[in-house]
């Protein structure tokens, strides 16, 4: 049994991860810590487990094998480094950190102390993504020339005469979150297109503050890939009834995914679709990695490249210009 400490209920997915942990026979939640003691103690009471106000006591507890980090993103580096140094396996919500440098420091600590880290990038486990990757890998679209991915919701749209939407106000705190719609919801289109279209050479981003919430509530990123393809990422907290869309266009065909519907268009017609099974969800993969050393399909490269694109997009918006990825990576033209 893998004994787990849940670190914070700050993130909106904290309850989802607790449910996944509870339903997995490999895990057992033993203790709760939260940077807000009242919130944490209430959660511990709900779950019938111990609350510990001192994070260091949790991390030095030899009976705890692993931690699930749901803190504000601004705390990820501090908390994850401390967990790694105390030999705790780590699962955390995306994004891992705000900068490439911080990601590298985290992975260095994880590797040095021999712990298992998995970041929640769940759409890389979904059947529609796996089908899209198969289509690309087998060259069914010919040369990929364009990719577009949109994921948006109404989280900042007031409902039922409320003054705000269902997203908590803390999700509009730039210091805690590092940004708004792009770094949070836009993370999914970023890591999906990173996988499907390959390395990005440059991008131009617009992070819009339509409602002046303090962070972007809508965003668009135009990407240039080293392959010569172009990409468009769209996201928003202000979209009502917006379907998830993933579109790939090539010289020999087009793949259109909208929510759960997949269409492969070739030779003037709609081709038959081979349904694929989804992979285990990230937490399940984390358990298999800890228990059986089975590698996760969510890789270090996926996690780091997500932060690189976010970092480049923020810089592009700030400077109102095209940003080359080599500038983020610290590479020269030589």
C-alpha atoms as a PDB file:
ATOM      1  CA  UNK A   1       0.000   0.000   0.000  1.00  0.00           C
ATOM      2  CA  UNK A   2       1.245   3.492  -0.904  1.00  0.00           C
ATOM      3  CA  UNK A   3       0.495   5.886   1.963  1.00  0.00           C
ATOM      4  CA  UNK A   4      -0.340   9.341   0.621  1.00  0.00           C
ATOM      5  CA  UNK A   5      -0.458  12.870   2.021  1.00  0.00           C
ATOM      6  CA  UNK A   6      -2.736  15.322   0.222  1.00  0.00           C
ATOM      7  CA  UNK A   7      -1.008  18.704   0.157  1.00  0.00           C
ATOM      8  CA  UNK A   8      -3.603  21.484  -0.134  1.00  0.00           C
ATOM      9  CA  UNK A   9      -7.148  21.755  -1.442  1.00  0.00           C
ATOM     10  CA  UNK A  10      -6.353  24.990  -3.296  1.00  0.00           C
ATOM     11  CA  UNK A  11      -6.774  23.630  -6.809  1.00  0.00           C
ATOM     12  CA  UNK A  12     -10.239  22.904  -8.216  1.00  0.00           C
ATOM     13  CA  UNK A  13      -9.095  19.380  -9.141  1.00  0.00           C
ATOM     14  CA  UNK A  14      -8.002  18.479  -5.591  1.00  0.00           C
ATOM     15  CA  UNK A  15     -11.288  16.669  -4.906  1.00  0.00           C
ATOM     16  CA  UNK A  16     -10.992  14.749  -8.188  1.00  0.00           C
ATOM     17  CA  UNK A  17      -7.520  13.509  -7.284  1.00  0.00           C
ATOM     18  CA  UNK A  18      -8.671  12.485  -3.807  1.00  0.00           C
ATOM     19  CA  UNK A  19     -11.474  10.460  -5.403  1.00  0.00           C
ATOM     20  CA  UNK A  20      -9.053   8.765  -7.804  1.00  0.00           C
ATOM     21  CA  UNK A  21      -6.700   7.968  -4.911  1.00  0.00           C
ATOM     22  CA  UNK A  22      -9.580   6.581  -2.824  1.00  0.00           C
ATOM     23  CA  UNK A  23     -10.776   4.347  -5.659  1.00  0.00           C
ATOM     24  CA  UNK A  24      -7.289   2.973  -6.383  1.00  0.00           C
ATOM     25  CA  UNK A  25      -6.388  -0.139  -4.386  1.00  0.00           C
ATOM     26  CA  UNK A  26      -2.690   0.820  -4.403  1.00  0.00           C
ATOM     27  CA  UNK A  27      -3.211   4.043  -2.406  1.00  0.00           C
ATOM     28  CA  UNK A  28      -4.352   5.095   1.051  1.00  0.00           C
ATOM     29  CA  UNK A  29      -4.774   8.725   2.159  1.00  0.00           C
ATOM     30  CA  UNK A  30      -3.259   9.136   5.615  1.00  0.00           C
ATOM     31  CA  UNK A  31      -2.929  12.869   6.249  1.00  0.00           C
ATOM     32  CA  UNK A  32      -3.926  16.300   4.947  1.00  0.00           C
ATOM     33  CA  UNK A  33      -1.857  19.481   4.943  1.00  0.00           C
ATOM     34  CA  UNK A  34      -3.026  22.832   3.621  1.00  0.00           C
ATOM     35  CA  UNK A  35      -1.454  26.276   3.547  1.00  0.00           C
ATOM     36  CA  UNK A  36      -4.858  27.443   4.837  1.00  0.00           C
ATOM     37  CA  UNK A  37      -5.327  25.480   8.054  1.00  0.00           C
ATOM     38  CA  UNK A  38      -9.091  25.954   8.267  1.00  0.00           C
ATOM     39  CA  UNK A  39      -9.648  24.608   4.766  1.00  0.00           C
ATOM     40  CA  UNK A  40      -7.296  21.707   5.372  1.00  0.00           C
ATOM     41  CA  UNK A  41      -8.763  20.667   8.715  1.00  0.00           C
ATOM     42  CA  UNK A  42     -12.261  20.733   7.214  1.00  0.00           C
ATOM     43  CA  UNK A  43     -11.124  18.463   4.376  1.00  0.00           C
ATOM     44  CA  UNK A  44      -9.425  16.083   6.800  1.00  0.00           C
ATOM     45  CA  UNK A  45     -12.619  15.895   8.844  1.00  0.00           C
ATOM     46  CA  UNK A  46     -14.628  15.107   5.710  1.00  0.00           C
ATOM     47  CA  UNK A  47     -12.241  12.300   4.797  1.00  0.00           C
ATOM     48  CA  UNK A  48     -11.822  10.995   8.333  1.00  0.00           C
ATOM     49  CA  UNK A  49      -8.039  11.364   8.328  1.00  0.00           C
ATOM     50  CA  UNK A  50      -5.482  13.350  10.295  1.00  0.00           C
ATOM     51  CA  UNK A  51      -4.759  17.040   9.595  1.00  0.00           C
ATOM     52  CA  UNK A  52      -1.212  18.284  10.105  1.00  0.00           C
ATOM     53  CA  UNK A  53      -0.544  22.030  10.071  1.00  0.00           C
ATOM     54  CA  UNK A  54       3.235  21.651   9.832  1.00  0.00           C
ATOM     55  CA  UNK A  55       4.317  20.647   6.308  1.00  0.00           C
ATOM     56  CA  UNK A  56       7.765  19.599   7.496  1.00  0.00           C
ATOM     57  CA  UNK A  57       6.230  17.082   9.901  1.00  0.00           C
ATOM     58  CA  UNK A  58       4.300  15.561   7.020  1.00  0.00           C
ATOM     59  CA  UNK A  59       7.365  15.338   4.796  1.00  0.00           C
ATOM     60  CA  UNK A  60       9.590  13.843   7.499  1.00  0.00           C
ATOM     61  CA  UNK A  61       6.973  11.267   8.495  1.00  0.00           C
ATOM     62  CA  UNK A  62       8.524   7.916   7.526  1.00  0.00           C
ATOM     63  CA  UNK A  63       5.079   6.322   7.184  1.00  0.00           C
ATOM     64  CA  UNK A  64       4.202   8.611   4.249  1.00  0.00           C
ATOM     65  CA  UNK A  65       5.390   7.341   0.875  1.00  0.00           C
ATOM     66  CA  UNK A  66       3.983   9.919  -1.522  1.00  0.00           C
ATOM     67  CA  UNK A  67       2.304  13.303  -1.829  1.00  0.00           C
ATOM     68  CA  UNK A  68      -0.305  14.849  -4.111  1.00  0.00           C
ATOM     69  CA  UNK A  69       0.475  18.548  -4.557  1.00  0.00           C
ATOM     70  CA  UNK A  70      -2.590  20.756  -5.130  1.00  0.00           C
ATOM     71  CA  UNK A  71      -1.087  24.005  -3.836  1.00  0.00           C
ATOM     72  CA  UNK A  72      -1.085  27.300  -5.744  1.00  0.00           C
ATOM     73  CA  UNK A  73       1.270  26.933  -8.699  1.00  0.00           C
ATOM     74  CA  UNK A  74       3.498  29.581  -7.136  1.00  0.00           C
ATOM     75  CA  UNK A  75       4.230  27.109  -4.304  1.00  0.00           C
ATOM     76  CA  UNK A  76       4.986  24.101  -6.514  1.00  0.00           C
ATOM     77  CA  UNK A  77       8.737  24.534  -6.620  1.00  0.00           C
ATOM     78  CA  UNK A  78       9.135  24.996  -2.857  1.00  0.00           C
ATOM     79  CA  UNK A  79       6.808  22.148  -1.898  1.00  0.00           C
ATOM     80  CA  UNK A  80       7.980  19.681  -4.555  1.00  0.00           C
ATOM     81  CA  UNK A  81      11.664  20.265  -3.821  1.00  0.00           C
ATOM     82  CA  UNK A  82      11.010  19.688  -0.119  1.00  0.00           C
ATOM     83  CA  UNK A  83       9.061  16.515  -0.872  1.00  0.00           C
ATOM     84  CA  UNK A  84      11.800  15.180  -3.150  1.00  0.00           C
ATOM     85  CA  UNK A  85      14.512  15.871  -0.567  1.00  0.00           C
ATOM     86  CA  UNK A  86      12.478  13.860   1.922  1.00  0.00           C
ATOM     87  CA  UNK A  87      12.175  10.971  -0.547  1.00  0.00           C
ATOM     88  CA  UNK A  88       8.437  11.294  -1.182  1.00  0.00           C
ATOM     89  CA  UNK A  89       7.009  10.365  -4.576  1.00  0.00           C
ATOM     90  CA  UNK A  90       5.122  13.280  -6.136  1.00  0.00           C
ATOM     91  CA  UNK A  91       1.973  13.788  -8.186  1.00  0.00           C
ATOM     92  CA  UNK A  92       1.034  17.339  -9.076  1.00  0.00           C
ATOM     93  CA  UNK A  93      -1.389  19.427 -11.077  1.00  0.00           C
ATOM     94  CA  UNK A  94      -0.144  21.167 -14.225  1.00  0.00           C
ATOM     95  CA  UNK A  95       1.807  23.312 -14.750  1.00  0.00           C
ATOM     96  CA  UNK A  96       4.881  22.042 -12.917  1.00  0.00           C
ATOM     97  CA  UNK A  97       6.498  25.486 -12.608  1.00  0.00           C
ATOM     98  CA  UNK A  98       6.501  28.947 -14.139  1.00  0.00           C
ATOM     99  CA  UNK A  99       9.930  28.778 -15.795  1.00  0.00           C
ATOM    100  CA  UNK A 100      12.177  26.331 -17.604  1.00  0.00           C
ATOM    101  CA  UNK A 101      14.854  26.970 -14.982  1.00  0.00           C
ATOM    102  CA  UNK A 102      12.509  25.972 -12.145  1.00  0.00           C
ATOM    103  CA  UNK A 103      11.396  22.845 -14.009  1.00  0.00           C
ATOM    104  CA  UNK A 104      15.011  21.813 -14.492  1.00  0.00           C
ATOM    105  CA  UNK A 105      15.749  22.346 -10.801  1.00  0.00           C
ATOM    106  CA  UNK A 106      12.762  20.230  -9.817  1.00  0.00           C
ATOM    107  CA  UNK A 107      13.709  17.366 -12.118  1.00  0.00           C
ATOM    108  CA  UNK A 108      17.292  17.497 -10.923  1.00  0.00           C
ATOM    109  CA  UNK A 109      16.075  17.051  -7.326  1.00  0.00           C
ATOM    110  CA  UNK A 110      13.660  14.279  -8.313  1.00  0.00           C
ATOM    111  CA  UNK A 111      16.409  12.370 -10.106  1.00  0.00           C
ATOM    112  CA  UNK A 112      18.964  13.002  -7.365  1.00  0.00           C
ATOM    113  CA  UNK A 113      16.698  11.643  -4.634  1.00  0.00           C
ATOM    114  CA  UNK A 114      15.263   8.777  -6.674  1.00  0.00           C
ATOM    115  CA  UNK A 115      11.573   9.649  -6.389  1.00  0.00           C
ATOM    116  CA  UNK A 116       8.801   9.262  -8.961  1.00  0.00           C
ATOM    117  CA  UNK A 117       7.150  12.422 -10.314  1.00  0.00           C
ATOM    118  CA  UNK A 118       4.066  12.510 -12.535  1.00  0.00           C
ATOM    119  CA  UNK A 119       2.306  15.707 -13.643  1.00  0.00           C
ATOM    120  CA  UNK A 120      -1.385  15.569 -14.517  1.00  0.00           C
ATOM    121  CA  UNK A 121      -1.627  15.933 -18.310  1.00  0.00           C
ATOM    122  CA  UNK A 122      -4.739  13.762 -18.646  1.00  0.00           C
ATOM    123  CA  UNK A 123      -5.658  14.364 -22.288  1.00  0.00           C
ATOM    124  CA  UNK A 124      -2.511  12.517 -23.350  1.00  0.00           C
ATOM    125  CA  UNK A 125      -4.280   9.370 -22.111  1.00  0.00           C
ATOM    126  CA  UNK A 126      -7.515   9.878 -24.059  1.00  0.00           C
ATOM    127  CA  UNK A 127      -8.591   7.683 -26.959  1.00  0.00           C
ATOM    128  CA  UNK A 128      -9.062  10.619 -29.354  1.00  0.00           C
ATOM    129  CA  UNK A 129      -5.509  11.848 -28.767  1.00  0.00           C
ATOM    130  CA  UNK A 130      -4.131   8.323 -29.237  1.00  0.00           C
ATOM    131  CA  UNK A 131      -6.018   8.048 -32.529  1.00  0.00           C
ATOM    132  CA  UNK A 132      -4.678  11.444 -33.673  1.00  0.00           C
ATOM    133  CA  UNK A 133      -1.134  10.367 -32.797  1.00  0.00           C
ATOM    134  CA  UNK A 134      -1.587   7.113 -34.708  1.00  0.00           C
ATOM    135  CA  UNK A 135      -2.824   9.001 -37.769  1.00  0.00           C
ATOM    136  CA  UNK A 136       0.179  11.347 -37.633  1.00  0.00           C
ATOM    137  CA  UNK A 137       2.707   8.562 -36.984  1.00  0.00           C
ATOM    138  CA  UNK A 138       1.377   6.466 -39.868  1.00  0.00           C
ATOM    139  CA  UNK A 139       1.427   9.431 -42.263  1.00  0.00           C
ATOM    140  CA  UNK A 140      -2.274   9.143 -43.093  1.00  0.00           C
ATOM    141  CA  UNK A 141      -2.530  12.927 -43.458  1.00  0.00           C
ATOM    142  CA  UNK A 142       0.611  13.200 -45.554  1.00  0.00           C
ATOM    143  CA  UNK A 143       2.692  16.175 -44.452  1.00  0.00           C
ATOM    144  CA  UNK A 144       1.095  17.945 -41.486  1.00  0.00           C
ATOM    145  CA  UNK A 145       0.655  21.592 -42.483  1.00  0.00           C
ATOM    146  CA  UNK A 146      -1.678  22.981 -39.808  1.00  0.00           C
ATOM    147  CA  UNK A 147      -2.908  22.037 -36.346  1.00  0.00           C
ATOM    148  CA  UNK A 148      -5.570  23.796 -34.291  1.00  0.00           C
ATOM    149  CA  UNK A 149      -6.780  23.042 -30.780  1.00  0.00           C
ATOM    150  CA  UNK A 150      -9.448  24.867 -28.778  1.00  0.00           C
ATOM    151  CA  UNK A 151     -10.486  24.250 -25.184  1.00  0.00           C
ATOM    152  CA  UNK A 152     -12.665  26.833 -23.449  1.00  0.00           C
ATOM    153  CA  UNK A 153     -15.357  27.063 -20.793  1.00  0.00           C
ATOM    154  CA  UNK A 154     -17.576  29.587 -19.009  1.00  0.00           C
ATOM    155  CA  UNK A 155     -15.721  29.651 -15.692  1.00  0.00           C
ATOM    156  CA  UNK A 156     -15.561  33.455 -15.524  1.00  0.00           C
ATOM    157  CA  UNK A 157     -19.111  34.054 -16.807  1.00  0.00           C
ATOM    158  CA  UNK A 158     -21.534  35.115 -14.029  1.00  0.00           C
ATOM    159  CA  UNK A 159     -24.530  32.799 -13.626  1.00  0.00           C
ATOM    160  CA  UNK A 160     -27.790  33.003 -11.687  1.00  0.00           C
ATOM    161  CA  UNK A 161     -27.335  36.732 -11.024  1.00  0.00           C
ATOM    162  CA  UNK A 162     -24.001  36.130  -9.325  1.00  0.00           C
ATOM    163  CA  UNK A 163     -21.207  38.672  -9.769  1.00  0.00           C
ATOM    164  CA  UNK A 164     -18.696  36.030 -10.844  1.00  0.00           C
ATOM    165  CA  UNK A 165     -18.538  32.627 -12.509  1.00  0.00           C
ATOM    166  CA  UNK A 166     -17.908  29.207 -11.009  1.00  0.00           C
ATOM    167  CA  UNK A 167     -14.118  29.513 -11.065  1.00  0.00           C
ATOM    168  CA  UNK A 168     -12.878  30.646  -7.638  1.00  0.00           C
ATOM    169  CA  UNK A 169     -11.421  34.155  -7.464  1.00  0.00           C
ATOM    170  CA  UNK A 170      -8.009  32.746  -6.560  1.00  0.00           C
ATOM    171  CA  UNK A 171      -7.726  31.487 -10.149  1.00  0.00           C
ATOM    172  CA  UNK A 172      -7.446  35.135 -11.260  1.00  0.00           C
ATOM    173  CA  UNK A 173      -4.526  35.880  -8.958  1.00  0.00           C
ATOM    174  CA  UNK A 174      -1.505  36.216 -11.242  1.00  0.00           C
ATOM    175  CA  UNK A 175       0.986  35.856  -8.388  1.00  0.00           C
ATOM    176  CA  UNK A 176      -0.498  32.506  -7.369  1.00  0.00           C
ATOM    177  CA  UNK A 177      -1.332  31.145 -10.823  1.00  0.00           C
ATOM    178  CA  UNK A 178       1.256  32.741 -13.079  1.00  0.00           C
ATOM    179  CA  UNK A 179      -1.468  33.784 -15.501  1.00  0.00           C
ATOM    180  CA  UNK A 180      -5.026  32.999 -16.437  1.00  0.00           C
ATOM    181  CA  UNK A 181      -6.783  31.058 -19.158  1.00  0.00           C
ATOM    182  CA  UNK A 182      -3.691  30.067 -21.152  1.00  0.00           C
ATOM    183  CA  UNK A 183      -1.528  28.714 -18.334  1.00  0.00           C
ATOM    184  CA  UNK A 184      -4.507  26.900 -16.804  1.00  0.00           C
ATOM    185  CA  UNK A 185      -7.016  25.692 -19.388  1.00  0.00           C
ATOM    186  CA  UNK A 186      -4.768  26.348 -22.377  1.00  0.00           C
ATOM    187  CA  UNK A 187      -2.239  23.901 -20.955  1.00  0.00           C
ATOM    188  CA  UNK A 188      -4.206  21.041 -22.511  1.00  0.00           C
ATOM    189  CA  UNK A 189      -4.064  22.340 -26.105  1.00  0.00           C
ATOM    190  CA  UNK A 190      -0.394  23.187 -25.561  1.00  0.00           C
ATOM    191  CA  UNK A 191       0.746  19.723 -24.527  1.00  0.00           C
ATOM    192  CA  UNK A 192      -1.483  18.023 -27.116  1.00  0.00           C
ATOM    193  CA  UNK A 193      -0.164  20.095 -30.011  1.00  0.00           C
ATOM    194  CA  UNK A 194       3.406  19.771 -28.709  1.00  0.00           C
ATOM    195  CA  UNK A 195       3.082  15.995 -29.030  1.00  0.00           C
ATOM    196  CA  UNK A 196       1.289  15.943 -32.371  1.00  0.00           C
ATOM    197  CA  UNK A 197       3.154  18.667 -34.282  1.00  0.00           C
ATOM    198  CA  UNK A 198       6.607  18.346 -32.750  1.00  0.00           C
ATOM    199  CA  UNK A 199       9.133  21.020 -31.748  1.00  0.00           C
ATOM    200  CA  UNK A 200       8.036  24.678 -31.844  1.00  0.00           C
ATOM    201  CA  UNK A 201      10.491  27.169 -33.336  1.00  0.00           C
ATOM    202  CA  UNK A 202       8.597  30.412 -32.622  1.00  0.00           C
ATOM    203  CA  UNK A 203       5.246  31.799 -31.543  1.00  0.00           C
ATOM    204  CA  UNK A 204       3.167  34.936 -31.245  1.00  0.00           C
ATOM    205  CA  UNK A 205       0.601  35.160 -28.429  1.00  0.00           C
ATOM    206  CA  UNK A 206      -2.241  37.447 -27.393  1.00  0.00           C
ATOM    207  CA  UNK A 207      -3.467  37.106 -23.809  1.00  0.00           C
ATOM    208  CA  UNK A 208      -6.695  39.088 -23.588  1.00  0.00           C
ATOM    209  CA  UNK A 209      -8.215  40.621 -20.439  1.00  0.00           C
ATOM    210  CA  UNK A 210     -11.765  41.176 -21.629  1.00  0.00           C
ATOM    211  CA  UNK A 211     -13.206  41.469 -18.107  1.00  0.00           C
ATOM    212  CA  UNK A 212     -10.089  42.999 -16.494  1.00  0.00           C
ATOM    213  CA  UNK A 213      -9.799  40.214 -13.945  1.00  0.00           C
ATOM    214  CA  UNK A 214      -6.069  40.717 -13.506  1.00  0.00           C
ATOM    215  CA  UNK A 215      -5.146  37.780 -15.759  1.00  0.00           C
ATOM    216  CA  UNK A 216      -6.018  36.737 -19.300  1.00  0.00           C
ATOM    217  CA  UNK A 217      -9.544  35.381 -19.654  1.00  0.00           C
ATOM    218  CA  UNK A 218      -9.093  34.503 -23.345  1.00  0.00           C
ATOM    219  CA  UNK A 219      -5.962  33.708 -25.323  1.00  0.00           C
ATOM    220  CA  UNK A 220      -4.732  32.795 -28.782  1.00  0.00           C
ATOM    221  CA  UNK A 221      -1.277  31.513 -29.687  1.00  0.00           C
ATOM    222  CA  UNK A 222       0.050  31.219 -33.235  1.00  0.00           C
ATOM    223  CA  UNK A 223       2.840  28.653 -33.404  1.00  0.00           C
ATOM    224  CA  UNK A 224       5.539  27.930 -35.958  1.00  0.00           C
ATOM    225  CA  UNK A 225       6.951  24.402 -35.937  1.00  0.00           C
ATOM    226  CA  UNK A 226      10.398  23.318 -37.020  1.00  0.00           C
ATOM    227  CA  UNK A 227       8.654  21.040 -39.552  1.00  0.00           C
ATOM    228  CA  UNK A 228       7.226  24.090 -41.329  1.00  0.00           C
ATOM    229  CA  UNK A 229       3.687  23.521 -40.054  1.00  0.00           C
ATOM    230  CA  UNK A 230       1.619  26.216 -38.350  1.00  0.00           C
ATOM    231  CA  UNK A 231      -0.509  25.869 -35.245  1.00  0.00           C
ATOM    232  CA  UNK A 232      -3.289  27.775 -33.487  1.00  0.00           C
ATOM    233  CA  UNK A 233      -4.169  27.340 -29.803  1.00  0.00           C
ATOM    234  CA  UNK A 234      -7.350  28.952 -28.457  1.00  0.00           C
ATOM    235  CA  UNK A 235      -8.672  29.059 -24.917  1.00  0.00           C
ATOM    236  CA  UNK A 236     -11.050  31.102 -22.799  1.00  0.00           C
ATOM    237  CA  UNK A 237     -12.843  31.361 -19.472  1.00  0.00           C
ATOM    238  CA  UNK A 238     -15.648  33.283 -21.229  1.00  0.00           C
ATOM    239  CA  UNK A 239     -17.093  30.762 -23.678  1.00  0.00           C
ATOM    240  CA  UNK A 240     -20.536  29.279 -23.227  1.00  0.00           C
ATOM    241  CA  UNK A 241     -21.148  25.807 -24.705  1.00  0.00           C
ATOM    242  CA  UNK A 242     -17.767  25.737 -26.454  1.00  0.00           C
ATOM    243  CA  UNK A 243     -16.845  22.214 -27.636  1.00  0.00           C
ATOM    244  CA  UNK A 244     -13.351  20.804 -27.396  1.00  0.00           C
ATOM    245  CA  UNK A 245     -11.842  20.868 -30.885  1.00  0.00           C
ATOM    246  CA  UNK A 246      -8.656  19.303 -32.235  1.00  0.00           C
ATOM    247  CA  UNK A 247      -8.013  19.677 -35.972  1.00  0.00           C
ATOM    248  CA  UNK A 248      -5.101  18.398 -38.035  1.00  0.00           C
ATOM    249  CA  UNK A 249      -4.672  19.337 -41.690  1.00  0.00           C
ATOM    250  CA  UNK A 250      -2.246  17.664 -44.065  1.00  0.00           C
ATOM    251  CA  UNK A 251      -1.383  17.295 -47.723  1.00  0.00           C
ATOM    252  CA  UNK A 252      -3.307  13.990 -47.972  1.00  0.00           C
ATOM    253  CA  UNK A 253      -6.127  14.379 -45.481  1.00  0.00           C
ATOM    254  CA  UNK A 254      -7.795  16.078 -42.526  1.00  0.00           C
ATOM    255  CA  UNK A 255      -8.580  14.845 -39.020  1.00  0.00           C
ATOM    256  CA  UNK A 256     -11.379  16.624 -37.138  1.00  0.00           C
ATOM    257  CA  UNK A 257     -12.130  15.881 -33.482  1.00  0.00           C
ATOM    258  CA  UNK A 258     -14.979  17.634 -31.670  1.00  0.00           C
ATOM    259  CA  UNK A 259     -15.652  16.398 -28.164  1.00  0.00           C
ATOM    260  CA  UNK A 260     -15.954  12.615 -28.638  1.00  0.00           C
ATOM    261  CA  UNK A 261     -16.653  12.672 -32.402  1.00  0.00           C
ATOM    262  CA  UNK A 262     -13.721  11.808 -34.688  1.00  0.00           C
ATOM    263  CA  UNK A 263     -13.767  12.279 -38.472  1.00  0.00           C
ATOM    264  CA  UNK A 264     -10.950  11.361 -40.852  1.00  0.00           C
ATOM    265  CA  UNK A 265     -11.405  12.959 -44.270  1.00  0.00           C
ATOM    266  CA  UNK A 266      -9.448  11.577 -47.228  1.00  0.00           C
ATOM    267  CA  UNK A 267      -9.945  11.261 -50.969  1.00  0.00           C
ATOM    268  CA  UNK A 268     -13.156  13.278 -50.889  1.00  0.00           C
ATOM    269  CA  UNK A 269     -14.855  11.090 -48.304  1.00  0.00           C
ATOM    270  CA  UNK A 270     -15.112  10.162 -44.639  1.00  0.00           C
ATOM    271  CA  UNK A 271     -12.933   7.208 -43.709  1.00  0.00           C
ATOM    272  CA  UNK A 272     -13.819   4.547 -41.150  1.00  0.00           C
ATOM    273  CA  UNK A 273     -12.384   5.093 -37.655  1.00  0.00           C
ATOM    274  CA  UNK A 274     -10.531   2.508 -35.583  1.00  0.00           C
ATOM    275  CA  UNK A 275     -11.543   3.053 -31.965  1.00  0.00           C
ATOM    276  CA  UNK A 276      -8.658   2.884 -29.505  1.00  0.00           C
ATOM    277  CA  UNK A 277      -8.782   2.303 -25.770  1.00  0.00           C
ATOM    278  CA  UNK A 278      -7.724   5.167 -23.514  1.00  0.00           C
ATOM    279  CA  UNK A 279      -4.630   4.719 -21.382  1.00  0.00           C
ATOM    280  CA  UNK A 280      -4.759   4.675 -17.570  1.00  0.00           C
ATOM    281  CA  UNK A 281      -5.278   8.102 -16.045  1.00  0.00           C
ATOM    282  CA  UNK A 282      -2.189   9.935 -14.707  1.00  0.00           C
ATOM    283  CA  UNK A 283      -2.718   8.980 -11.050  1.00  0.00           C
ATOM    284  CA  UNK A 284      -3.091   5.317 -11.990  1.00  0.00           C
ATOM    285  CA  UNK A 285       0.115   5.563 -14.025  1.00  0.00           C
ATOM    286  CA  UNK A 286       1.823   7.189 -11.026  1.00  0.00           C
ATOM    287  CA  UNK A 287       0.851   4.256  -8.840  1.00  0.00           C
ATOM    288  CA  UNK A 288       2.218   1.768 -11.389  1.00  0.00           C
ATOM    289  CA  UNK A 289       5.433   3.765 -11.621  1.00  0.00           C
ATOM    290  CA  UNK A 290       5.912   3.736  -7.834  1.00  0.00           C
ATOM    291  CA  UNK A 291       4.902   0.123  -7.285  1.00  0.00           C
ATOM    292  CA  UNK A 292       6.200  -1.633 -10.399  1.00  0.00           C
ATOM    293  CA  UNK A 293       8.574   0.912 -11.931  1.00  0.00           C
ATOM    294  CA  UNK A 294       6.344   0.970 -15.028  1.00  0.00           C
ATOM    295  CA  UNK A 295       7.175   4.169 -16.945  1.00  0.00           C
ATOM    296  CA  UNK A 296       4.455   6.781 -17.274  1.00  0.00           C
ATOM    297  CA  UNK A 297       3.399   7.783 -20.774  1.00  0.00           C
ATOM    298  CA  UNK A 298       3.511  11.398 -19.537  1.00  0.00           C
ATOM    299  CA  UNK A 299       7.155  12.320 -19.907  1.00  0.00           C
ATOM    300  CA  UNK A 300       9.576  14.894 -18.591  1.00  0.00           C
ATOM    301  CA  UNK A 301       9.694  16.333 -22.117  1.00  0.00           C
ATOM    302  CA  UNK A 302       5.887  16.816 -22.114  1.00  0.00           C
ATOM    303  CA  UNK A 303       6.033  18.646 -18.791  1.00  0.00           C
ATOM    304  CA  UNK A 304       9.023  20.860 -19.585  1.00  0.00           C
ATOM    305  CA  UNK A 305       7.792  21.776 -23.076  1.00  0.00           C
ATOM    306  CA  UNK A 306       4.450  22.860 -21.597  1.00  0.00           C
ATOM    307  CA  UNK A 307       6.236  25.382 -19.394  1.00  0.00           C
ATOM    308  CA  UNK A 308       8.484  26.513 -22.271  1.00  0.00           C
ATOM    309  CA  UNK A 309       5.489  27.380 -24.468  1.00  0.00           C
ATOM    310  CA  UNK A 310       3.738  29.175 -21.598  1.00  0.00           C
ATOM    311  CA  UNK A 311       6.885  31.132 -20.803  1.00  0.00           C
ATOM    312  CA  UNK A 312       7.372  32.107 -24.457  1.00  0.00           C
ATOM    313  CA  UNK A 313       3.697  33.081 -24.833  1.00  0.00           C
ATOM    314  CA  UNK A 314       3.808  35.357 -21.781  1.00  0.00           C
ATOM    315  CA  UNK A 315       6.955  37.004 -23.132  1.00  0.00           C
ATOM    316  CA  UNK A 316       5.406  37.422 -26.595  1.00  0.00           C
ATOM    317  CA  UNK A 317       2.339  39.122 -25.153  1.00  0.00           C
ATOM    318  CA  UNK A 318       4.417  41.355 -22.906  1.00  0.00           C
ATOM    319  CA  UNK A 319       6.705  42.470 -25.745  1.00  0.00           C
ATOM    320  CA  UNK A 320       3.959  42.415 -28.404  1.00  0.00           C
ATOM    321  CA  UNK A 321       6.200  40.461 -30.744  1.00  0.00           C
ATOM    322  CA  UNK A 322       7.140  37.076 -32.139  1.00  0.00           C
ATOM    323  CA  UNK A 323       9.343  35.060 -29.760  1.00  0.00           C
ATOM    324  CA  UNK A 324      11.762  32.359 -30.839  1.00  0.00           C
ATOM    325  CA  UNK A 325      11.873  29.307 -28.595  1.00  0.00           C
ATOM    326  CA  UNK A 326      15.670  29.199 -28.672  1.00  0.00           C
ATOM    327  CA  UNK A 327      15.616  32.422 -26.645  1.00  0.00           C
ATOM    328  CA  UNK A 328      13.716  30.623 -23.867  1.00  0.00           C
ATOM    329  CA  UNK A 329      16.011  27.626 -24.080  1.00  0.00           C
ATOM    330  CA  UNK A 330      19.087  29.845 -23.931  1.00  0.00           C
ATOM    331  CA  UNK A 331      20.358  28.551 -27.250  1.00  0.00           C
ATOM    332  CA  UNK A 332      22.444  30.602 -29.702  1.00  0.00           C
ATOM    333  CA  UNK A 333      22.424  30.623 -33.492  1.00  0.00           C
ATOM    334  CA  UNK A 334      25.970  29.251 -33.586  1.00  0.00           C
END
